Amino acid sequence: MLHFTLFYRGQLKANGKPKHKHALREAFHCQLAEMWAHPPVNQLTPFLRDNPVLEGRRLVQKVESYRVVPLVSKSLGAVAELDIFMLRPGAIGEILKGGGDIDNRLKTLFDALTVPRKDQLRGCGEPKPDQTPFYCLLEDDKLISAVRVETAQFLVPNIPDNEVALFIRVTVRSTHAVKTVSWLG
C-alpha cells in the first residue's frame, strides 16, 4: 500500500475542455514525477524504456507525441482510493452553485488524473523536455475503487467562482500479487 497527497490550486471547471484538463494534468505530472524519483516507486524506473513490458504487460503508453506512464494501472495490478478535500468559494452549503456542479467538476478532475486519449490532447502542443515521460496517476478512471469528497469554503477574497484548492489523498492498493511491485503489499 502506498499513500501520498497531490495538491492543486487554480480553476476547476465543470465540463472542462481538453486544454483545461491538460493544464491540470501538467500540474499533477510535476508531483508524480517527484514520486517516481524516490523509493519505493523508483523501483519501477527500469520499465520506462520505449517498449517496456512488466510481466507481459505494457507500462508506457504512447498518446500522440507523449510517452505517458500511469502510476496506477492494470499492468501493476493496482487501484486507487481518493480522499478529496476541496476548498471552493461560496457560502457553506452551496456546493452546487458558483463554479459548476460538483459531479461535473469531479469528472474534469478524474479526466485530468487519467492517461489522456488522443482527442484530449488536441491543441495542447508537444511535451516539454521535462515531460518525457509524462506521468499520470491513473491508466483509466475505472481503477478508482473509492472516492470521498469533502468541501469547505475557500476563505480568500475576490477569487473566481471556479477557483479551488484541492488536497487529494491517494491510497494505492494491490489487486493481486505482482512480484516487481511488492511495495503495494
C-alpha atoms as a PDB file:
ATOM      1  CA  MET A   1       0.000   0.000   0.000  1.00  0.00           C
ATOM      2  CA  LEU A   2       1.206   3.483  -0.854  1.00  0.00           C
ATOM      3  CA  HIS A   3      -0.115   6.821   0.478  1.00  0.00           C
ATOM      4  CA  PHE A   4       0.626  10.311  -0.809  1.00  0.00           C
ATOM      5  CA  THR A   5      -1.103  13.657  -1.355  1.00  0.00           C
ATOM      6  CA  LEU A   6      -1.465  15.652  -4.570  1.00  0.00           C
ATOM      7  CA  PHE A   7      -2.165  19.396  -4.436  1.00  0.00           C
ATOM      8  CA  TYR A   8      -3.718  21.774  -6.931  1.00  0.00           C
ATOM      9  CA  ARG A   9      -4.783  25.403  -6.779  1.00  0.00           C
ATOM     10  CA  GLY A  10      -6.456  27.029  -9.749  1.00  0.00           C
ATOM     11  CA  GLN A  11      -9.501  26.731 -11.932  1.00  0.00           C
ATOM     12  CA  LEU A  12     -11.539  23.539 -11.865  1.00  0.00           C
ATOM     13  CA  LYS A  13     -14.231  23.895 -14.466  1.00  0.00           C
ATOM     14  CA  ALA A  14     -17.325  21.781 -14.846  1.00  0.00           C
ATOM     15  CA  ASN A  15     -17.172  20.057 -18.248  1.00  0.00           C
ATOM     16  CA  GLY A  16     -13.582  21.222 -18.768  1.00  0.00           C
ATOM     17  CA  LYS A  17     -12.248  21.341 -22.324  1.00  0.00           C
ATOM     18  CA  PRO A  18      -9.114  19.377 -23.366  1.00  0.00           C
ATOM     19  CA  LYS A  19      -6.726  22.317 -22.777  1.00  0.00           C
ATOM     20  CA  HIS A  20      -8.104  22.856 -19.264  1.00  0.00           C
ATOM     21  CA  LYS A  21      -7.797  19.164 -18.404  1.00  0.00           C
ATOM     22  CA  HIS A  22      -4.255  19.108 -19.761  1.00  0.00           C
ATOM     23  CA  ALA A  23      -3.285  22.130 -17.644  1.00  0.00           C
ATOM     24  CA  LEU A  24      -4.426  20.197 -14.571  1.00  0.00           C
ATOM     25  CA  ARG A  25      -2.664  17.079 -15.849  1.00  0.00           C
ATOM     26  CA  GLU A  26       0.579  19.106 -16.145  1.00  0.00           C
ATOM     27  CA  ALA A  27       0.234  20.322 -12.541  1.00  0.00           C
ATOM     28  CA  PHE A  28      -0.100  16.736 -11.343  1.00  0.00           C
ATOM     29  CA  HIS A  29       2.693  15.487 -13.655  1.00  0.00           C
ATOM     30  CA  CYS A  30       5.282  17.546 -11.744  1.00  0.00           C
ATOM     31  CA  GLN A  31       4.243  15.998  -8.428  1.00  0.00           C
ATOM     32  CA  LEU A  32       4.056  12.468  -9.827  1.00  0.00           C
ATOM     33  CA  ALA A  33       7.494  12.862 -11.448  1.00  0.00           C
ATOM     34  CA  GLU A  34       8.802  13.563  -7.955  1.00  0.00           C
ATOM     35  CA  MET A  35       7.082  10.356  -6.722  1.00  0.00           C
ATOM     36  CA  TRP A  36       8.834   8.356  -9.466  1.00  0.00           C
ATOM     37  CA  ALA A  37      12.212   9.771  -8.372  1.00  0.00           C
ATOM     38  CA  HIS A  38      12.041   8.311  -4.851  1.00  0.00           C
ATOM     39  CA  PRO A  39      11.551   4.951  -3.162  1.00  0.00           C
ATOM     40  CA  PRO A  40       9.552   2.880  -3.375  1.00  0.00           C
ATOM     41  CA  VAL A  41       8.163   3.975  -6.776  1.00  0.00           C
ATOM     42  CA  ASN A  42      11.616   4.436  -8.334  1.00  0.00           C
ATOM     43  CA  GLN A  43      11.970   0.616  -8.285  1.00  0.00           C
ATOM     44  CA  LEU A  44       9.895   0.684 -11.493  1.00  0.00           C
ATOM     45  CA  THR A  45      12.080   3.094 -13.487  1.00  0.00           C
ATOM     46  CA  PRO A  46      13.869   0.267 -15.381  1.00  0.00           C
ATOM     47  CA  PHE A  47      10.493  -0.446 -17.013  1.00  0.00           C
ATOM     48  CA  LEU A  48      10.224   3.027 -18.567  1.00  0.00           C
ATOM     49  CA  ARG A  49      12.086   2.311 -21.804  1.00  0.00           C
ATOM     50  CA  ASP A  50      10.451   2.743 -25.227  1.00  0.00           C
ATOM     51  CA  ASN A  51       8.818  -0.703 -25.231  1.00  0.00           C
ATOM     52  CA  PRO A  52       8.780  -1.728 -21.599  1.00  0.00           C
ATOM     53  CA  VAL A  53       6.963  -4.858 -20.586  1.00  0.00           C
ATOM     54  CA  LEU A  54       6.160  -5.742 -16.994  1.00  0.00           C
ATOM     55  CA  GLU A  55       5.217  -9.399 -16.660  1.00  0.00           C
ATOM     56  CA  GLY A  56       3.863  -9.356 -20.214  1.00  0.00           C
ATOM     57  CA  ARG A  57       2.031  -6.023 -19.888  1.00  0.00           C
ATOM     58  CA  ARG A  58       2.956  -2.576 -21.203  1.00  0.00           C
ATOM     59  CA  LEU A  59       3.684   0.198 -18.714  1.00  0.00           C
ATOM     60  CA  VAL A  60       4.388   3.172 -21.020  1.00  0.00           C
ATOM     61  CA  GLN A  61       1.579   4.250 -23.326  1.00  0.00           C
ATOM     62  CA  LYS A  62       2.062   6.293 -26.500  1.00  0.00           C
ATOM     63  CA  VAL A  63      -0.555   9.025 -26.927  1.00  0.00           C
ATOM     64  CA  GLU A  64       0.202  11.350 -29.831  1.00  0.00           C
ATOM     65  CA  SER A  65       3.788  12.519 -29.169  1.00  0.00           C
ATOM     66  CA  TYR A  66       3.587  11.800 -25.422  1.00  0.00           C
ATOM     67  CA  ARG A  67       5.024   8.766 -23.634  1.00  0.00           C
ATOM     68  CA  VAL A  68       2.587   8.501 -20.734  1.00  0.00           C
ATOM     69  CA  VAL A  69       3.256   6.497 -17.581  1.00  0.00           C
ATOM     70  CA  PRO A  70       0.429   5.884 -15.113  1.00  0.00           C
ATOM     71  CA  LEU A  71       1.272   5.009 -11.514  1.00  0.00           C
ATOM     72  CA  VAL A  72      -1.987   3.091 -11.064  1.00  0.00           C
ATOM     73  CA  SER A  73      -2.533   0.602 -13.863  1.00  0.00           C
ATOM     74  CA  LYS A  74      -3.777  -2.865 -14.677  1.00  0.00           C
ATOM     75  CA  SER A  75      -0.165  -3.753 -15.504  1.00  0.00           C
ATOM     76  CA  LEU A  76       0.800  -3.103 -11.910  1.00  0.00           C
ATOM     77  CA  GLY A  77      -2.321  -4.754 -10.518  1.00  0.00           C
ATOM     78  CA  ALA A  78      -3.224  -1.576  -8.668  1.00  0.00           C
ATOM     79  CA  VAL A  79      -6.280   0.507  -7.813  1.00  0.00           C
ATOM     80  CA  ALA A  80      -6.563   3.921  -6.155  1.00  0.00           C
ATOM     81  CA  GLU A  81      -8.746   5.353  -3.433  1.00  0.00           C
ATOM     82  CA  LEU A  82      -9.123   9.140  -3.494  1.00  0.00           C
ATOM     83  CA  ASP A  83      -9.935  11.321  -0.493  1.00  0.00           C
ATOM     84  CA  ILE A  84     -10.529  14.794  -1.915  1.00  0.00           C
ATOM     85  CA  PHE A  85     -10.659  17.923   0.219  1.00  0.00           C
ATOM     86  CA  MET A  86     -11.832  20.850  -1.922  1.00  0.00           C
ATOM     87  CA  LEU A  87     -11.699  24.465  -0.833  1.00  0.00           C
ATOM     88  CA  ARG A  88     -14.057  26.486  -3.042  1.00  0.00           C
ATOM     89  CA  PRO A  89     -15.571  29.974  -2.925  1.00  0.00           C
ATOM     90  CA  GLY A  90     -19.139  30.421  -1.842  1.00  0.00           C
ATOM     91  CA  ALA A  91     -21.170  30.112   1.276  1.00  0.00           C
ATOM     92  CA  ILE A  92     -21.214  26.916   3.278  1.00  0.00           C
ATOM     93  CA  GLY A  93     -23.770  24.515   1.842  1.00  0.00           C
ATOM     94  CA  GLU A  94     -23.692  25.994  -1.662  1.00  0.00           C
ATOM     95  CA  ILE A  95     -21.799  23.053  -3.117  1.00  0.00           C
ATOM     96  CA  LEU A  96     -23.826  23.070  -6.349  1.00  0.00           C
ATOM     97  CA  LYS A  97     -23.611  26.802  -7.080  1.00  0.00           C
ATOM     98  CA  GLY A  98     -20.896  29.035  -8.422  1.00  0.00           C
ATOM     99  CA  GLY A  99     -18.138  27.264 -10.358  1.00  0.00           C
ATOM    100  CA  GLY A 100     -20.330  24.419 -11.547  1.00  0.00           C
ATOM    101  CA  ASP A 101     -21.955  21.380 -10.065  1.00  0.00           C
ATOM    102  CA  ILE A 102     -19.586  19.124  -8.192  1.00  0.00           C
ATOM    103  CA  ASP A 103     -20.144  15.962 -10.244  1.00  0.00           C
ATOM    104  CA  ASN A 104     -19.043  17.641 -13.491  1.00  0.00           C
ATOM    105  CA  ARG A 105     -16.095  19.282 -11.742  1.00  0.00           C
ATOM    106  CA  LEU A 106     -15.059  15.881 -10.398  1.00  0.00           C
ATOM    107  CA  LYS A 107     -15.391  14.383 -13.893  1.00  0.00           C
ATOM    108  CA  THR A 108     -12.964  17.064 -15.146  1.00  0.00           C
ATOM    109  CA  LEU A 109     -10.606  16.198 -12.280  1.00  0.00           C
ATOM    110  CA  PHE A 110     -10.772  12.444 -12.938  1.00  0.00           C
ATOM    111  CA  ASP A 111     -10.053  13.023 -16.638  1.00  0.00           C
ATOM    112  CA  ALA A 112      -7.027  15.143 -15.651  1.00  0.00           C
ATOM    113  CA  LEU A 113      -5.703  12.377 -13.384  1.00  0.00           C
ATOM    114  CA  THR A 114      -6.009   9.792 -16.165  1.00  0.00           C
ATOM    115  CA  VAL A 115      -3.907   8.938 -19.227  1.00  0.00           C
ATOM    116  CA  PRO A 116      -5.356  11.179 -21.955  1.00  0.00           C
ATOM    117  CA  ARG A 117      -6.989   9.869 -25.081  1.00  0.00           C
ATOM    118  CA  LYS A 118      -5.826  11.284 -28.421  1.00  0.00           C
ATOM    119  CA  ASP A 119      -8.831  13.624 -28.621  1.00  0.00           C
ATOM    120  CA  GLN A 120      -7.895  15.059 -25.216  1.00  0.00           C
ATOM    121  CA  LEU A 121      -4.516  16.333 -26.457  1.00  0.00           C
ATOM    122  CA  ARG A 122      -5.669  18.324 -29.486  1.00  0.00           C
ATOM    123  CA  GLY A 123      -4.262  21.826 -29.268  1.00  0.00           C
ATOM    124  CA  CYS A 124      -2.131  21.005 -26.209  1.00  0.00           C
ATOM    125  CA  GLY A 125       1.210  21.118 -28.011  1.00  0.00           C
ATOM    126  CA  GLU A 126       4.235  18.873 -27.775  1.00  0.00           C
ATOM    127  CA  PRO A 127       5.617  17.551 -24.495  1.00  0.00           C
ATOM    128  CA  LYS A 128       8.121  19.849 -22.809  1.00  0.00           C
ATOM    129  CA  PRO A 129      11.628  18.480 -22.118  1.00  0.00           C
ATOM    130  CA  ASP A 130      10.708  17.628 -18.505  1.00  0.00           C
ATOM    131  CA  GLN A 131       7.569  15.797 -19.661  1.00  0.00           C
ATOM    132  CA  THR A 132       9.248  12.728 -21.159  1.00  0.00           C
ATOM    133  CA  PRO A 133       7.961  10.521 -19.807  1.00  0.00           C
ATOM    134  CA  PHE A 134       4.710  12.217 -18.842  1.00  0.00           C
ATOM    135  CA  TYR A 135       3.384  10.929 -15.503  1.00  0.00           C
ATOM    136  CA  CYS A 136      -0.309  10.450 -14.743  1.00  0.00           C
ATOM    137  CA  LEU A 137      -1.947   8.966 -11.700  1.00  0.00           C
ATOM    138  CA  LEU A 138      -4.366   6.575 -13.439  1.00  0.00           C
ATOM    139  CA  GLU A 139      -4.345   4.435 -16.546  1.00  0.00           C
ATOM    140  CA  ASP A 140      -8.149   4.563 -16.506  1.00  0.00           C
ATOM    141  CA  ASP A 141     -10.623   6.145 -14.089  1.00  0.00           C
ATOM    142  CA  LYS A 142     -12.178   2.671 -13.735  1.00  0.00           C
ATOM    143  CA  LEU A 143      -9.220   1.950 -11.446  1.00  0.00           C
ATOM    144  CA  ILE A 144     -10.639   4.301  -8.799  1.00  0.00           C
ATOM    145  CA  SER A 145     -12.034   1.947  -6.169  1.00  0.00           C
ATOM    146  CA  ALA A 146     -13.320   4.588  -3.740  1.00  0.00           C
ATOM    147  CA  VAL A 147     -13.898   8.353  -3.674  1.00  0.00           C
ATOM    148  CA  ARG A 148     -14.648  10.545  -0.702  1.00  0.00           C
ATOM    149  CA  VAL A 149     -15.169  14.292  -1.197  1.00  0.00           C
ATOM    150  CA  GLU A 150     -15.317  16.988   1.445  1.00  0.00           C
ATOM    151  CA  THR A 151     -15.729  20.650   0.603  1.00  0.00           C
ATOM    152  CA  ALA A 152     -15.189  23.785   2.628  1.00  0.00           C
ATOM    153  CA  GLN A 153     -15.388  27.493   1.995  1.00  0.00           C
ATOM    154  CA  PHE A 154     -12.252  28.972   0.376  1.00  0.00           C
ATOM    155  CA  LEU A 155     -11.671  31.994   2.579  1.00  0.00           C
ATOM    156  CA  VAL A 156      -9.706  34.065   0.088  1.00  0.00           C
ATOM    157  CA  PRO A 157     -11.392  37.284  -1.026  1.00  0.00           C
ATOM    158  CA  ASN A 158     -12.157  38.114  -4.644  1.00  0.00           C
ATOM    159  CA  ILE A 159     -11.365  34.788  -6.281  1.00  0.00           C
ATOM    160  CA  PRO A 160     -13.266  33.454  -9.308  1.00  0.00           C
ATOM    161  CA  ASP A 161     -16.171  31.071  -8.734  1.00  0.00           C
ATOM    162  CA  ASN A 162     -14.339  28.196 -10.395  1.00  0.00           C
ATOM    163  CA  GLU A 163     -11.068  28.535  -8.444  1.00  0.00           C
ATOM    164  CA  VAL A 164     -10.350  25.777  -5.950  1.00  0.00           C
ATOM    165  CA  ALA A 165      -7.613  24.375  -3.776  1.00  0.00           C
ATOM    166  CA  LEU A 166      -7.537  20.585  -3.833  1.00  0.00           C
ATOM    167  CA  PHE A 167      -5.796  18.196  -1.496  1.00  0.00           C
ATOM    168  CA  ILE A 168      -6.102  14.699  -2.933  1.00  0.00           C
ATOM    169  CA  ARG A 169      -5.023  11.955  -0.556  1.00  0.00           C
ATOM    170  CA  VAL A 170      -4.228   8.923  -2.718  1.00  0.00           C
ATOM    171  CA  THR A 171      -4.079   5.361  -1.439  1.00  0.00           C
ATOM    172  CA  VAL A 172      -2.729   2.852  -3.953  1.00  0.00           C
ATOM    173  CA  ARG A 173      -3.619  -0.772  -3.260  1.00  0.00           C
ATOM    174  CA  SER A 174      -2.699  -4.011  -4.954  1.00  0.00           C
ATOM    175  CA  THR A 175      -5.434  -6.110  -6.530  1.00  0.00           C
ATOM    176  CA  HIS A 176      -3.205  -9.161  -6.827  1.00  0.00           C
ATOM    177  CA  ALA A 177       0.363 -10.249  -6.153  1.00  0.00           C
ATOM    178  CA  VAL A 178       2.850  -8.795  -8.616  1.00  0.00           C
ATOM    179  CA  LYS A 179       6.438  -9.608  -7.640  1.00  0.00           C
ATOM    180  CA  THR A 180       8.036  -6.489  -9.144  1.00  0.00           C
ATOM    181  CA  VAL A 181       5.829  -4.101  -7.182  1.00  0.00           C
ATOM    182  CA  SER A 182       5.960  -5.701  -3.761  1.00  0.00           C
ATOM    183  CA  TRP A 183       5.674  -2.258  -2.141  1.00  0.00           C
ATOM    184  CA  LEU A 184       1.929  -2.352  -2.950  1.00  0.00           C
ATOM    185  CA  GLY A 185       1.509  -5.188  -0.473  1.00  0.00           C
END
